[in-house]
């Protein structure tokens, strides 16, 4: 029997592929295997100046797959939205580079995990989509689908049918419920439908909110914000559970803010009433827009409460749009949680061996 190669693809971004890849990697190590990890194309928009690599790859290279160089684990980078500025459909050099690097890692392992792009159709124009790579590397594919509602399940079935049409060997699907109601619908409706269609269900991540929520550092990076109150080292890994726009009166805002937990409030620097109201609730971060710094009493109150304040030049609408597009990344201290998630929520007996 040949070496097992799996490719994790997904219906959309922020699906949990990285968490599953890390958890499976560690499980395979526990079984005495020598697994390898590979991501053909990194997201150039998420590269850091310090590591010069995709953020998730940086964590995997430093914590999980230490024996491989970052350049091996992820040999090429493209911007997810404007890749045609960097690569044309006729350019075969990148594809050859990806193939050569993959085989270099494969030779030193007995099991390969390939993490796909943000979704299964991305980079199809230039022939570097997940299914093209799966065909090239003779990989079994696992489709990871974040599920919030029935439309997300439609997308999963569409992805499965498309992959089958392209002759892909599908090992199974993983359904990650994004809420308790979604998890109930998965059990009540979606799994029975998949079983009836003889589509293997490998499980789904649950109760891993911190793997889905952005950190303060990720929010600051997304909006180009500057920390004006708080210690970055201490607060950078705090999680944001939700975003609220402070554009109403302070009395209404206080009632609204009390419904949230570990939230981020976005408002103007001239709205001291909103900022002070937010500080009386479960608020992890306040963003002041338009480069309008808050008053000294707001700064003092924030320091007293231990709530970080961030200033950005962007307007409130722009900031609210940017935070919607944040791609969360695995943090180094979440590695063990990834292993636990796979241990507890994935049927390891069904995992391709």
Foldseek 3Di string as FASTA:
>chain_A
DAFAEEEEFELFALQCLLLQVLQVLVVCVVVVWFEDAAEAEAACLQADPVQRGHQQLVLCCVFPVVVDDSCLRYVYYAHQPPRCVPDALVDCPSVVVSVVSVVVRVVVGRHYYYYFDRHQCGPVRNQRGPLSVCVVVVHAYEYGFEFADVVSLVSVVVVVVVSVVVVHHHLAYEYAYPDPVRVVCCVVPVVVVCVVVVGHYFFYFPPPQLSRFAFQLLLCSLQVKDWPAADCVVRRGQTANEEEEPDDDLVVLLVVLQVDAQHEYEYAQDPLSNLVSNLVHRYQEYEHELQRHHDPVSRVSCNVSRHIYIYGNHDRVVSVVSVVPGRHHDDNVCSVVSNVRCVPTGNVVSPDD
